[in-house]
Amino acid sequence: MRIEQRVSEALKRVNNDRYLLSVAVGQRADELSKGASPIYEADRLSLKYTDIALKEIASGVLKIDGLKKEE
């Protein structure tokens, strides 16, 4: 999947809030850099932490707290 598609999918998961997405990716990347295990099976040697975090959010395996469902 291309990066543009992955970002688009991740944005859908956070109600198109780019700020929220950037904060979530940054926090998750920080967790990964400190030794957290990726939820999404990824090759840690070939992907950056931000790429892994974005994949986790886009695929829906990583839920972001504080999001309200749109009615």
N, C-alpha and C. Protein backbone atom coordinates (compact mmCIF):
# COMPACT_ATOMS: atom_id res chain seq x y z
N MET A 1 0.85 -1.17 0.00
CA MET A 1 0.00 0.00 0.00
C MET A 1 0.90 1.24 0.00
N ARG A 2 0.56 2.18 -0.83
CA ARG A 2 1.33 3.42 -0.91
C ARG A 2 1.08 4.29 0.30
N ILE A 3 2.02 5.16 0.59
CA ILE A 3 1.91 6.01 1.78
C ILE A 3 0.67 6.89 1.73
N GLU A 4 0.31 7.38 0.56
CA GLU A 4 -0.87 8.25 0.45
C GLU A 4 -2.14 7.49 0.82
N GLN A 5 -2.21 6.25 0.40
CA GLN A 5 -3.37 5.41 0.73
C GLN A 5 -3.41 5.11 2.23
N ARG A 6 -2.24 4.84 2.79
CA ARG A 6 -2.17 4.53 4.22
C ARG A 6 -2.58 5.74 5.05
N VAL A 7 -2.13 6.93 4.66
CA VAL A 7 -2.49 8.15 5.38
C VAL A 7 -3.99 8.40 5.25
N SER A 8 -4.54 8.17 4.07
CA SER A 8 -5.96 8.36 3.86
C SER A 8 -6.78 7.44 4.75
N GLU A 9 -6.38 6.18 4.85
CA GLU A 9 -7.08 5.22 5.71
C GLU A 9 -6.96 5.62 7.18
N ALA A 10 -5.77 6.06 7.58
CA ALA A 10 -5.57 6.47 8.97
C ALA A 10 -6.40 7.70 9.29
N LEU A 11 -6.51 8.63 8.35
CA LEU A 11 -7.32 9.82 8.57
C LEU A 11 -8.80 9.47 8.76
N LYS A 12 -9.27 8.48 8.02
CA LYS A 12 -10.65 8.04 8.19
C LYS A 12 -10.89 7.52 9.61
N ARG A 13 -9.89 6.88 10.20
CA ARG A 13 -10.01 6.31 11.55
C ARG A 13 -10.05 7.40 12.62
N VAL A 14 -9.54 8.60 12.31
CA VAL A 14 -9.51 9.69 13.30
C VAL A 14 -10.41 10.84 12.87
N ASN A 15 -11.45 10.54 12.11
CA ASN A 15 -12.43 11.54 11.67
C ASN A 15 -11.79 12.70 10.91
N ASN A 16 -10.82 12.40 10.09
CA ASN A 16 -10.13 13.38 9.24
C ASN A 16 -9.46 14.51 10.03
N ASP A 17 -9.03 14.23 11.23
CA ASP A 17 -8.35 15.21 12.06
C ASP A 17 -6.83 15.00 11.93
N ARG A 18 -6.20 15.81 11.09
CA ARG A 18 -4.77 15.65 10.83
C ARG A 18 -3.92 15.87 12.08
N TYR A 19 -4.35 16.82 12.91
CA TYR A 19 -3.61 17.09 14.14
C TYR A 19 -3.64 15.87 15.06
N LEU A 20 -4.81 15.31 15.26
CA LEU A 20 -4.94 14.13 16.10
C LEU A 20 -4.12 12.97 15.55
N LEU A 21 -4.14 12.79 14.25
CA LEU A 21 -3.35 11.73 13.63
C LEU A 21 -1.86 11.94 13.87
N SER A 22 -1.38 13.16 13.70
CA SER A 22 0.05 13.42 13.89
C SER A 22 0.47 13.20 15.33
N VAL A 23 -0.38 13.58 16.28
CA VAL A 23 -0.07 13.35 17.70
C VAL A 23 -0.06 11.86 18.00
N ALA A 24 -1.06 11.14 17.49
CA ALA A 24 -1.15 9.70 17.74
C ALA A 24 0.04 8.96 17.15
N VAL A 25 0.42 9.30 15.93
CA VAL A 25 1.57 8.65 15.29
C VAL A 25 2.84 8.97 16.07
N GLY A 26 2.99 10.21 16.49
CA GLY A 26 4.18 10.60 17.25
C GLY A 26 4.29 9.87 18.58
N GLN A 27 3.18 9.76 19.29
CA GLN A 27 3.19 9.06 20.57
C GLN A 27 3.48 7.59 20.40
N ARG A 28 2.85 6.98 19.40
CA ARG A 28 3.07 5.54 19.18
C ARG A 28 4.51 5.28 18.72
N ALA A 29 5.04 6.15 17.87
CA ALA A 29 6.42 6.00 17.41
C ALA A 29 7.39 6.11 18.59
N ASP A 30 7.08 7.01 19.53
CA ASP A 30 7.90 7.15 20.72
C ASP A 30 7.86 5.87 21.56
N GLU A 31 6.68 5.29 21.71
CA GLU A 31 6.55 4.03 22.44
C GLU A 31 7.37 2.93 21.78
N LEU A 32 7.28 2.85 20.45
CA LEU A 32 8.03 1.83 19.72
C LEU A 32 9.54 2.03 19.86
N SER A 33 9.98 3.28 19.85
CA SER A 33 11.42 3.55 19.96
C SER A 33 11.96 3.20 21.34
N LYS A 34 11.06 3.17 22.34
CA LYS A 34 11.46 2.82 23.70
C LYS A 34 11.30 1.34 23.99
N GLY A 35 10.97 0.55 22.97
CA GLY A 35 10.95 -0.89 23.13
C GLY A 35 9.60 -1.58 23.10
N ALA A 36 8.52 -0.83 22.89
CA ALA A 36 7.20 -1.46 22.81
C ALA A 36 7.14 -2.37 21.58
N SER A 37 6.42 -3.46 21.71
CA SER A 37 6.27 -4.39 20.59
C SER A 37 5.20 -3.88 19.64
N PRO A 38 5.46 -3.97 18.33
CA PRO A 38 4.44 -3.55 17.37
C PRO A 38 3.23 -4.47 17.44
N ILE A 39 2.04 -3.89 17.37
CA ILE A 39 0.81 -4.67 17.33
C ILE A 39 0.67 -5.28 15.94
N TYR A 40 0.98 -4.49 14.95
CA TYR A 40 0.91 -4.90 13.55
C TYR A 40 2.21 -5.58 13.22
N GLU A 41 2.15 -6.79 12.73
CA GLU A 41 3.37 -7.51 12.39
C GLU A 41 4.14 -6.75 11.31
N ALA A 42 5.31 -6.32 11.65
CA ALA A 42 6.10 -5.51 10.72
C ALA A 42 7.57 -5.88 10.83
N ASP A 43 8.26 -5.65 9.76
CA ASP A 43 9.71 -5.85 9.75
C ASP A 43 10.34 -4.59 10.35
N ARG A 44 10.70 -4.65 11.60
CA ARG A 44 11.22 -3.48 12.31
C ARG A 44 12.52 -2.96 11.71
N LEU A 45 13.24 -3.80 11.00
CA LEU A 45 14.52 -3.35 10.45
C LEU A 45 14.35 -2.51 9.19
N SER A 46 13.28 -2.75 8.44
CA SER A 46 13.11 -2.02 7.18
C SER A 46 12.13 -0.86 7.27
N LEU A 47 11.36 -0.78 8.36
CA LEU A 47 10.38 0.29 8.51
C LEU A 47 10.76 1.22 9.65
N LYS A 48 10.43 2.49 9.49
CA LYS A 48 10.65 3.45 10.57
C LYS A 48 9.51 3.31 11.57
N TYR A 49 9.73 3.81 12.77
CA TYR A 49 8.70 3.72 13.80
C TYR A 49 7.43 4.44 13.39
N THR A 50 7.58 5.57 12.71
CA THR A 50 6.39 6.31 12.27
C THR A 50 5.60 5.51 11.24
N ASP A 51 6.29 4.78 10.38
CA ASP A 51 5.60 3.95 9.38
C ASP A 51 4.82 2.82 10.06
N ILE A 52 5.42 2.22 11.07
CA ILE A 52 4.74 1.14 11.79
C ILE A 52 3.50 1.70 12.50
N ALA A 53 3.65 2.86 13.15
CA ALA A 53 2.53 3.48 13.86
C ALA A 53 1.40 3.82 12.89
N LEU A 54 1.75 4.36 11.74
CA LEU A 54 0.74 4.72 10.75
C LEU A 54 0.02 3.47 10.24
N LYS A 55 0.76 2.39 10.03
CA LYS A 55 0.15 1.13 9.60
C LYS A 55 -0.82 0.60 10.64
N GLU A 56 -0.43 0.69 11.92
CA GLU A 56 -1.28 0.20 12.99
C GLU A 56 -2.60 0.98 13.05
N ILE A 57 -2.52 2.28 12.90
CA ILE A 57 -3.72 3.11 12.94
C ILE A 57 -4.57 2.88 11.70
N ALA A 58 -3.96 2.85 10.53
CA ALA A 58 -4.70 2.68 9.28
C ALA A 58 -5.41 1.33 9.22
N SER A 59 -4.79 0.30 9.75
CA SER A 59 -5.40 -1.03 9.70
C SER A 59 -6.46 -1.23 10.78
N GLY A 60 -6.49 -0.34 11.76
CA GLY A 60 -7.50 -0.42 12.80
C GLY A 60 -7.11 -1.27 14.00
N VAL A 61 -5.89 -1.76 14.04
CA VAL A 61 -5.48 -2.58 15.18
C VAL A 61 -5.10 -1.72 16.38
N LEU A 62 -4.84 -0.45 16.14
CA LEU A 62 -4.52 0.49 17.22
C LEU A 62 -5.66 1.49 17.33
N LYS A 63 -6.34 1.46 18.44
CA LYS A 63 -7.48 2.37 18.68
C LYS A 63 -6.96 3.61 19.40
N ILE A 64 -7.55 4.75 19.06
CA ILE A 64 -7.17 6.01 19.67
C ILE A 64 -8.27 6.42 20.64
N ASP A 65 -7.91 6.58 21.91
CA ASP A 65 -8.88 6.99 22.93
C ASP A 65 -9.29 8.44 22.72
N GLY A 66 -10.50 8.74 23.11
CA GLY A 66 -10.97 10.11 23.06
C GLY A 66 -11.70 10.48 21.80
N LEU A 67 -11.86 9.54 20.88
CA LEU A 67 -12.59 9.82 19.65
C LEU A 67 -14.08 9.59 19.87
N LYS A 68 -14.87 10.52 19.43
CA LYS A 68 -16.33 10.37 19.48
C LYS A 68 -16.82 9.86 18.14
N LYS A 69 -17.79 8.98 18.19
CA LYS A 69 -18.39 8.49 16.94
C LYS A 69 -19.23 9.58 16.33
N GLU A 70 -19.07 9.76 15.02
CA GLU A 70 -19.92 10.74 14.33
C GLU A 70 -21.29 10.16 14.14
N GLU A 71 -22.30 11.00 14.34
CA GLU A 71 -23.66 10.52 14.20
C GLU A 71 -24.24 10.92 12.87
